[in-house]
Each structure stands twice: as structure tokens, then as C-alpha cells.
Amino acid sequence: MVHYGCSRGFGRVWAEAALKRGDKVAATARRLASIADLKEKYGANLLTLELDVTRPEQVKTAVEQWWMRRTHHCD
């Protein structure tokens, strides 16, 4: 499950709800420091990705990182 804008607001609420349920989540934020607490709490169930949607190179990199994790860590 991918959640965008997880540093605050609904993005964070939905991401944390999914993590509490035991789902694996890819969470994006402009600054990874803003979601570091989630990574510390949920560990391997959370993939954190730096993403500013106004920067096309970051979008491409985030999608590639997510895809590599998804295709190499299937349950």
C-alpha cells in the first residue's frame, strides 16, 4: 500500500492505521526526517521514500525504489 504526504494530516493517519493493522506500507514525504518516527516504530513494514511531487526525478526514483522493494519482497 502506498501513502503520499505522510508527514502530517490524513496521509499520516491512513499510513499509521495501515501499519497498526500489520500492512506493509510505502510512505512518502518531502523530508524523510518528518516520518523517521514511523520508520523507527514499524521497521521492516515501512518503506520511507523522499518525494516532492513537483520534482519529476524524485517521482521516478520513488516509484523505482517502491517497485524494487515490492518485486523482491513478495510474501
PDB file of N, CA and C in Angstrom:
ATOM      1  N   MET A   1       0.837  -1.152   0.000  1.00  0.00           N
ATOM      2  CA  MET A   1       0.000   0.000   0.000  1.00  0.00           C
ATOM      3  C   MET A   1       0.897   1.235   0.000  1.00  0.00           C
ATOM      4  N   VAL A   2       0.607   2.188  -0.830  1.00  0.00           N
ATOM      5  CA  VAL A   2       1.401   3.412  -0.922  1.00  0.00           C
ATOM      6  C   VAL A   2       0.580   4.579  -0.397  1.00  0.00           C
ATOM      7  N   HIS A   3       1.186   5.373   0.481  1.00  0.00           N
ATOM      8  CA  HIS A   3       0.543   6.580   1.002  1.00  0.00           C
ATOM      9  C   HIS A   3       1.450   7.768   0.718  1.00  0.00           C
ATOM     10  N   TYR A   4       0.870   8.817   0.189  1.00  0.00           N
ATOM     11  CA  TYR A   4       1.620  10.027  -0.147  1.00  0.00           C
ATOM     12  C   TYR A   4       1.406  11.091   0.914  1.00  0.00           C
ATOM     13  N   GLY A   5       2.409  11.905   1.143  1.00  0.00           N
ATOM     14  CA  GLY A   5       2.297  13.014   2.078  1.00  0.00           C
ATOM     15  C   GLY A   5       2.067  12.551   3.505  1.00  0.00           C
ATOM     16  N   CYS A   6       2.942  11.704   3.998  1.00  0.00           N
ATOM     17  CA  CYS A   6       2.735  11.053   5.299  1.00  0.00           C
ATOM     18  C   CYS A   6       3.313  11.815   6.483  1.00  0.00           C
ATOM     19  N   SER A   7       3.832  12.985   6.250  1.00  0.00           N
ATOM     20  CA  SER A   7       4.427  13.709   7.367  1.00  0.00           C
ATOM     21  C   SER A   7       3.378  14.271   8.329  1.00  0.00           C
ATOM     22  N   ARG A   8       2.162  14.479   7.822  1.00  0.00           N
ATOM     23  CA  ARG A   8       1.096  15.018   8.687  1.00  0.00           C
ATOM     24  C   ARG A   8      -0.256  14.823   8.015  1.00  0.00           C
ATOM     25  N   GLY A   9      -1.290  15.158   8.725  1.00  0.00           N
ATOM     26  CA  GLY A   9      -2.644  15.127   8.163  1.00  0.00           C
ATOM     27  C   GLY A   9      -3.145  13.731   7.845  1.00  0.00           C
ATOM     28  N   PHE A  10      -4.065  13.679   6.874  1.00  0.00           N
ATOM     29  CA  PHE A  10      -4.700  12.417   6.516  1.00  0.00           C
ATOM     30  C   PHE A  10      -3.703  11.372   5.998  1.00  0.00           C
ATOM     31  N   GLY A  11      -2.690  11.803   5.257  1.00  0.00           N
ATOM     32  CA  GLY A  11      -1.700  10.856   4.756  1.00  0.00           C
ATOM     33  C   GLY A  11      -1.044  10.088   5.891  1.00  0.00           C
ATOM     34  N   ARG A  12      -0.689  10.799   6.935  1.00  0.00           N
ATOM     35  CA  ARG A  12      -0.062  10.156   8.097  1.00  0.00           C
ATOM     36  C   ARG A  12      -1.064   9.267   8.835  1.00  0.00           C
ATOM     37  N   VAL A  13      -2.274   9.750   9.018  1.00  0.00           N
ATOM     38  CA  VAL A  13      -3.298   8.984   9.725  1.00  0.00           C
ATOM     39  C   VAL A  13      -3.568   7.657   9.007  1.00  0.00           C
ATOM     40  N   TRP A  14      -3.741   7.710   7.688  1.00  0.00           N
ATOM     41  CA  TRP A  14      -4.030   6.493   6.921  1.00  0.00           C
ATOM     42  C   TRP A  14      -2.833   5.538   6.916  1.00  0.00           C
ATOM     43  N   ALA A  15      -1.639   6.081   6.779  1.00  0.00           N
ATOM     44  CA  ALA A  15      -0.447   5.230   6.782  1.00  0.00           C
ATOM     45  C   ALA A  15      -0.304   4.524   8.128  1.00  0.00           C
ATOM     46  N   GLU A  16      -0.460   5.263   9.207  1.00  0.00           N
ATOM     47  CA  GLU A  16      -0.297   4.653  10.526  1.00  0.00           C
ATOM     48  C   GLU A  16      -1.408   3.641  10.817  1.00  0.00           C
ATOM     49  N   ALA A  17      -2.617   3.903  10.359  1.00  0.00           N
ATOM     50  CA  ALA A  17      -3.701   2.933  10.547  1.00  0.00           C
ATOM     51  C   ALA A  17      -3.380   1.620   9.836  1.00  0.00           C
ATOM     52  N   ALA A  18      -2.858   1.714   8.622  1.00  0.00           N
ATOM     53  CA  ALA A  18      -2.499   0.510   7.869  1.00  0.00           C
ATOM     54  C   ALA A  18      -1.356  -0.235   8.556  1.00  0.00           C
ATOM     55  N   LEU A  19      -0.385   0.496   9.061  1.00  0.00           N
ATOM     56  CA  LEU A  19       0.739  -0.124   9.756  1.00  0.00           C
ATOM     57  C   LEU A  19       0.283  -0.809  11.038  1.00  0.00           C
ATOM     58  N   LYS A  20      -0.604  -0.180  11.782  1.00  0.00           N
ATOM     59  CA  LYS A  20      -1.129  -0.783  13.013  1.00  0.00           C
ATOM     60  C   LYS A  20      -1.869  -2.078  12.716  1.00  0.00           C
ATOM     61  N   ARG A  21      -2.475  -2.143  11.536  1.00  0.00           N
ATOM     62  CA  ARG A  21      -3.203  -3.336  11.112  1.00  0.00           C
ATOM     63  C   ARG A  21      -2.250  -4.441  10.663  1.00  0.00           C
ATOM     64  N   GLY A  22      -0.974  -4.099  10.479  1.00  0.00           N
ATOM     65  CA  GLY A  22       0.021  -5.078  10.070  1.00  0.00           C
ATOM     66  C   GLY A  22       0.348  -5.049   8.593  1.00  0.00           C
ATOM     67  N   ASP A  23      -0.209  -4.091   7.862  1.00  0.00           N
ATOM     68  CA  ASP A  23       0.079  -3.964   6.436  1.00  0.00           C
ATOM     69  C   ASP A  23       1.501  -3.457   6.223  1.00  0.00           C
ATOM     70  N   LYS A  24       2.043  -3.761   5.049  1.00  0.00           N
ATOM     71  CA  LYS A  24       3.311  -3.177   4.617  1.00  0.00           C
ATOM     72  C   LYS A  24       2.961  -1.906   3.849  1.00  0.00           C
ATOM     73  N   VAL A  25       3.663  -0.833   4.166  1.00  0.00           N
ATOM     74  CA  VAL A  25       3.325   0.485   3.627  1.00  0.00           C
ATOM     75  C   VAL A  25       4.561   1.156   3.051  1.00  0.00           C
ATOM     76  N   ALA A  26       4.387   1.813   1.918  1.00  0.00           N
ATOM     77  CA  ALA A  26       5.386   2.731   1.382  1.00  0.00           C
ATOM     78  C   ALA A  26       4.846   4.131   1.661  1.00  0.00           C
ATOM     79  N   ALA A  27       5.593   4.894   2.442  1.00  0.00           N
ATOM     80  CA  ALA A  27       5.160   6.230   2.843  1.00  0.00           C
ATOM     81  C   ALA A  27       6.104   7.268   2.254  1.00  0.00           C
ATOM     82  N   THR A  28       5.532   8.313   1.703  1.00  0.00           N
ATOM     83  CA  THR A  28       6.347   9.366   1.110  1.00  0.00           C
ATOM     84  C   THR A  28       6.214  10.660   1.903  1.00  0.00           C
ATOM     85  N   ALA A  29       7.294  11.433   1.839  1.00  0.00           N
ATOM     86  CA  ALA A  29       7.308  12.752   2.458  1.00  0.00           C
ATOM     87  C   ALA A  29       8.402  13.568   1.784  1.00  0.00           C
ATOM     88  N   ARG A  30       8.249  14.870   1.805  1.00  0.00           N
ATOM     89  CA  ARG A  30       9.295  15.723   1.230  1.00  0.00           C
ATOM     90  C   ARG A  30      10.593  15.603   2.013  1.00  0.00           C
ATOM     91  N   ARG A  31      10.466  15.452   3.320  1.00  0.00           N
ATOM     92  CA  ARG A  31      11.635  15.296   4.193  1.00  0.00           C
ATOM     93  C   ARG A  31      11.488  13.991   4.971  1.00  0.00           C
ATOM     94  N   LEU A  32      12.427  13.078   4.804  1.00  0.00           N
ATOM     95  CA  LEU A  32      12.352  11.788   5.494  1.00  0.00           C
ATOM     96  C   LEU A  32      12.387  11.938   7.008  1.00  0.00           C
ATOM     97  N   ALA A  33      13.018  12.983   7.489  1.00  0.00           N
ATOM     98  CA  ALA A  33      13.073  13.206   8.937  1.00  0.00           C
ATOM     99  C   ALA A  33      11.675  13.336   9.533  1.00  0.00           C
ATOM    100  N   SER A  34      10.731  13.802   8.735  1.00  0.00           N
ATOM    101  CA  SER A  34       9.374  14.009   9.248  1.00  0.00           C
ATOM    102  C   SER A  34       8.603  12.705   9.450  1.00  0.00           C
ATOM    103  N   ILE A  35       9.114  11.597   8.910  1.00  0.00           N
ATOM    104  CA  ILE A  35       8.457  10.304   9.109  1.00  0.00           C
ATOM    105  C   ILE A  35       9.420   9.271   9.718  1.00  0.00           C
ATOM    106  N   ALA A  36      10.547   9.757  10.222  1.00  0.00           N
ATOM    107  CA  ALA A  36      11.535   8.867  10.834  1.00  0.00           C
ATOM    108  C   ALA A  36      10.965   8.139  12.041  1.00  0.00           C
ATOM    109  N   ASP A  37      10.070   8.791  12.770  1.00  0.00           N
ATOM    110  CA  ASP A  37       9.473   8.139  13.940  1.00  0.00           C
ATOM    111  C   ASP A  37       8.632   6.933  13.538  1.00  0.00           C
ATOM    112  N   LEU A  38       7.972   7.015  12.393  1.00  0.00           N
ATOM    113  CA  LEU A  38       7.191   5.873  11.907  1.00  0.00           C
ATOM    114  C   LEU A  38       8.118   4.723  11.529  1.00  0.00           C
ATOM    115  N   LYS A  39       9.219   5.041  10.873  1.00  0.00           N
ATOM    116  CA  LYS A  39      10.192   4.018  10.484  1.00  0.00           C
ATOM    117  C   LYS A  39      10.750   3.322  11.714  1.00  0.00           C
ATOM    118  N   GLU A  40      11.062   4.099  12.733  1.00  0.00           N
ATOM    119  CA  GLU A  40      11.598   3.527  13.966  1.00  0.00           C
ATOM    120  C   GLU A  40      10.561   2.601  14.634  1.00  0.00           C
ATOM    121  N   LYS A  41       9.314   3.002  14.605  1.00  0.00           N
ATOM    122  CA  LYS A  41       8.254   2.233  15.269  1.00  0.00           C
ATOM    123  C   LYS A  41       7.854   0.979  14.491  1.00  0.00           C
ATOM    124  N   TYR A  42       7.796   1.068  13.146  1.00  0.00           N
ATOM    125  CA  TYR A  42       7.252  -0.031  12.339  1.00  0.00           C
ATOM    126  C   TYR A  42       8.295  -0.802  11.538  1.00  0.00           C
ATOM    127  N   GLY A  43       9.525  -0.329  11.534  1.00  0.00           N
ATOM    128  CA  GLY A  43      10.639  -1.062  10.945  1.00  0.00           C
ATOM    129  C   GLY A  43      10.423  -1.576   9.531  1.00  0.00           C
ATOM    130  N   ALA A  44      10.573  -2.879   9.363  1.00  0.00           N
ATOM    131  CA  ALA A  44      10.551  -3.511   8.043  1.00  0.00           C
ATOM    132  C   ALA A  44       9.202  -3.418   7.340  1.00  0.00           C
ATOM    133  N   ASN A  45       8.146  -3.114   8.068  1.00  0.00           N
ATOM    134  CA  ASN A  45       6.834  -2.976   7.425  1.00  0.00           C
ATOM    135  C   ASN A  45       6.670  -1.630   6.729  1.00  0.00           C
ATOM    136  N   LEU A  46       7.645  -0.748   6.886  1.00  0.00           N
ATOM    137  CA  LEU A  46       7.531   0.595   6.316  1.00  0.00           C
ATOM    138  C   LEU A  46       8.722   0.912   5.416  1.00  0.00           C
ATOM    139  N   LEU A  47       8.424   1.267   4.195  1.00  0.00           N
ATOM    140  CA  LEU A  47       9.414   1.781   3.257  1.00  0.00           C
ATOM    141  C   LEU A  47       9.210   3.285   3.197  1.00  0.00           C
ATOM    142  N   THR A  48      10.218   4.057   3.574  1.00  0.00           N
ATOM    143  CA  THR A  48      10.100   5.514   3.517  1.00  0.00           C
ATOM    144  C   THR A  48      10.777   6.017   2.253  1.00  0.00           C
ATOM    145  N   LEU A  49      10.087   6.913   1.572  1.00  0.00           N
ATOM    146  CA  LEU A  49      10.578   7.441   0.302  1.00  0.00           C
ATOM    147  C   LEU A  49      10.493   8.963   0.303  1.00  0.00           C
ATOM    148  N   GLU A  50      11.598   9.600  -0.054  1.00  0.00           N
ATOM    149  CA  GLU A  50      11.601  11.051  -0.182  1.00  0.00           C
ATOM    150  C   GLU A  50      10.900  11.409  -1.490  1.00  0.00           C
ATOM    151  N   LEU A  51       9.905  12.280  -1.414  1.00  0.00           N
ATOM    152  CA  LEU A  51       9.159  12.620  -2.620  1.00  0.00           C
ATOM    153  C   LEU A  51       8.567  14.012  -2.544  1.00  0.00           C
ATOM    154  N   ASP A  52       8.989  14.833  -3.463  1.00  0.00           N
ATOM    155  CA  ASP A  52       8.367  16.129  -3.718  1.00  0.00           C
ATOM    156  C   ASP A  52       7.774  16.003  -5.113  1.00  0.00           C
ATOM    157  N   VAL A  53       6.456  15.963  -5.205  1.00  0.00           N
ATOM    158  CA  VAL A  53       5.810  15.681  -6.488  1.00  0.00           C
ATOM    159  C   VAL A  53       6.063  16.744  -7.547  1.00  0.00           C
ATOM    160  N   THR A  54       6.636  17.879  -7.163  1.00  0.00           N
ATOM    161  CA  THR A  54       6.973  18.899  -8.157  1.00  0.00           C
ATOM    162  C   THR A  54       8.341  18.647  -8.792  1.00  0.00           C
ATOM    163  N   ARG A  55       9.029  17.591  -8.337  1.00  0.00           N
ATOM    164  CA  ARG A  55      10.356  17.251  -8.864  1.00  0.00           C
ATOM    165  C   ARG A  55      10.274  15.905  -9.579  1.00  0.00           C
ATOM    166  N   PRO A  56      10.164  15.911 -10.905  1.00  0.00           N
ATOM    167  CA  PRO A  56       9.988  14.674 -11.671  1.00  0.00           C
ATOM    168  C   PRO A  56      11.036  13.598 -11.391  1.00  0.00           C
ATOM    169  N   GLU A  57      12.278  13.987 -11.146  1.00  0.00           N
ATOM    170  CA  GLU A  57      13.315  12.994 -10.884  1.00  0.00           C
ATOM    171  C   GLU A  57      13.055  12.260  -9.565  1.00  0.00           C
ATOM    172  N   GLN A  58      12.482  12.962  -8.593  1.00  0.00           N
ATOM    173  CA  GLN A  58      12.144  12.303  -7.323  1.00  0.00           C
ATOM    174  C   GLN A  58      10.971  11.350  -7.491  1.00  0.00           C
ATOM    175  N   VAL A  59      10.024  11.717  -8.332  1.00  0.00           N
ATOM    176  CA  VAL A  59       8.881  10.833  -8.599  1.00  0.00           C
ATOM    177  C   VAL A  59       9.398   9.534  -9.213  1.00  0.00           C
ATOM    178  N   LYS A  60      10.244   9.649 -10.227  1.00  0.00           N
ATOM    179  CA  LYS A  60      10.798   8.471 -10.902  1.00  0.00           C
ATOM    180  C   LYS A  60      11.582   7.595  -9.923  1.00  0.00           C
ATOM    181  N   THR A  61      12.424   8.200  -9.123  1.00  0.00           N
ATOM    182  CA  THR A  61      13.231   7.455  -8.160  1.00  0.00           C
ATOM    183  C   THR A  61      12.360   6.759  -7.120  1.00  0.00           C
ATOM    184  N   ALA A  62      11.357   7.442  -6.607  1.00  0.00           N
ATOM    185  CA  ALA A  62      10.470   6.851  -5.595  1.00  0.00           C
ATOM    186  C   ALA A  62       9.719   5.654  -6.158  1.00  0.00           C
ATOM    187  N   VAL A  63       9.215   5.783  -7.371  1.00  0.00           N
ATOM    188  CA  VAL A  63       8.494   4.667  -7.990  1.00  0.00           C
ATOM    189  C   VAL A  63       9.438   3.493  -8.214  1.00  0.00           C
ATOM    190  N   GLU A  64      10.641   3.750  -8.673  1.00  0.00           N
ATOM    191  CA  GLU A  64      11.618   2.682  -8.892  1.00  0.00           C
ATOM    192  C   GLU A  64      11.964   1.974  -7.580  1.00  0.00           C
ATOM    193  N   GLN A  65      12.169   2.736  -6.520  1.00  0.00           N
ATOM    194  CA  GLN A  65      12.502   2.143  -5.226  1.00  0.00           C
ATOM    195  C   GLN A  65      11.341   1.287  -4.712  1.00  0.00           C
ATOM    196  N   TRP A  66      10.143   1.811  -4.830  1.00  0.00           N
ATOM    197  CA  TRP A  66       8.962   1.060  -4.398  1.00  0.00           C
ATOM    198  C   TRP A  66       8.831  -0.232  -5.204  1.00  0.00           C
ATOM    199  N   TRP A  67       8.992  -0.137  -6.515  1.00  0.00           N
ATOM    200  CA  TRP A  67       8.838  -1.316  -7.375  1.00  0.00           C
ATOM    201  C   TRP A  67       9.884  -2.385  -7.040  1.00  0.00           C
ATOM    202  N   MET A  68      11.124  -1.964  -6.835  1.00  0.00           N
ATOM    203  CA  MET A  68      12.174  -2.927  -6.492  1.00  0.00           C
ATOM    204  C   MET A  68      11.859  -3.623  -5.169  1.00  0.00           C
ATOM    205  N   ARG A  69      11.409  -2.880  -4.211  1.00  0.00           N
ATOM    206  CA  ARG A  69      11.064  -3.486  -2.907  1.00  0.00           C
ATOM    207  C   ARG A  69       9.884  -4.436  -3.062  1.00  0.00           C
ATOM    208  N   ARG A  70       8.906  -4.025  -3.817  1.00  0.00           N
ATOM    209  CA  ARG A  70       7.683  -4.843  -3.985  1.00  0.00           C
ATOM    210  C   ARG A  70       7.975  -6.139  -4.727  1.00  0.00           C
ATOM    211  N   THR A  71       8.768  -6.070  -5.761  1.00  0.00           N
ATOM    212  CA  THR A  71       9.016  -7.265  -6.568  1.00  0.00           C
ATOM    213  C   THR A  71      10.058  -8.192  -5.955  1.00  0.00           C
ATOM    214  N   HIS A  72      10.861  -7.689  -5.034  1.00  0.00           N
ATOM    215  CA  HIS A  72      11.884  -8.522  -4.412  1.00  0.00           C
ATOM    216  C   HIS A  72      11.529  -8.977  -2.995  1.00  0.00           C
ATOM    217  N   HIS A  73      10.409  -8.516  -2.476  1.00  0.00           N
ATOM    218  CA  HIS A  73       9.999  -8.883  -1.117  1.00  0.00           C
ATOM    219  C   HIS A  73       8.546  -9.312  -1.090  1.00  0.00           C
ATOM    220  N   CYS A  74       8.150 -10.106  -2.034  1.00  0.00           N
ATOM    221  CA  CYS A  74       6.767 -10.567  -2.052  1.00  0.00           C
ATOM    222  C   CYS A  74       6.569 -11.655  -1.013  1.00  0.00           C
ATOM    223  N   ASP A  75       5.432 -11.638  -0.376  1.00  0.00           N
ATOM    224  CA  ASP A  75       5.095 -12.685   0.606  1.00  0.00           C
ATOM    225  C   ASP A  75       4.532 -13.897  -0.089  1.00  0.00           C
TER     226      ASP A  75
END
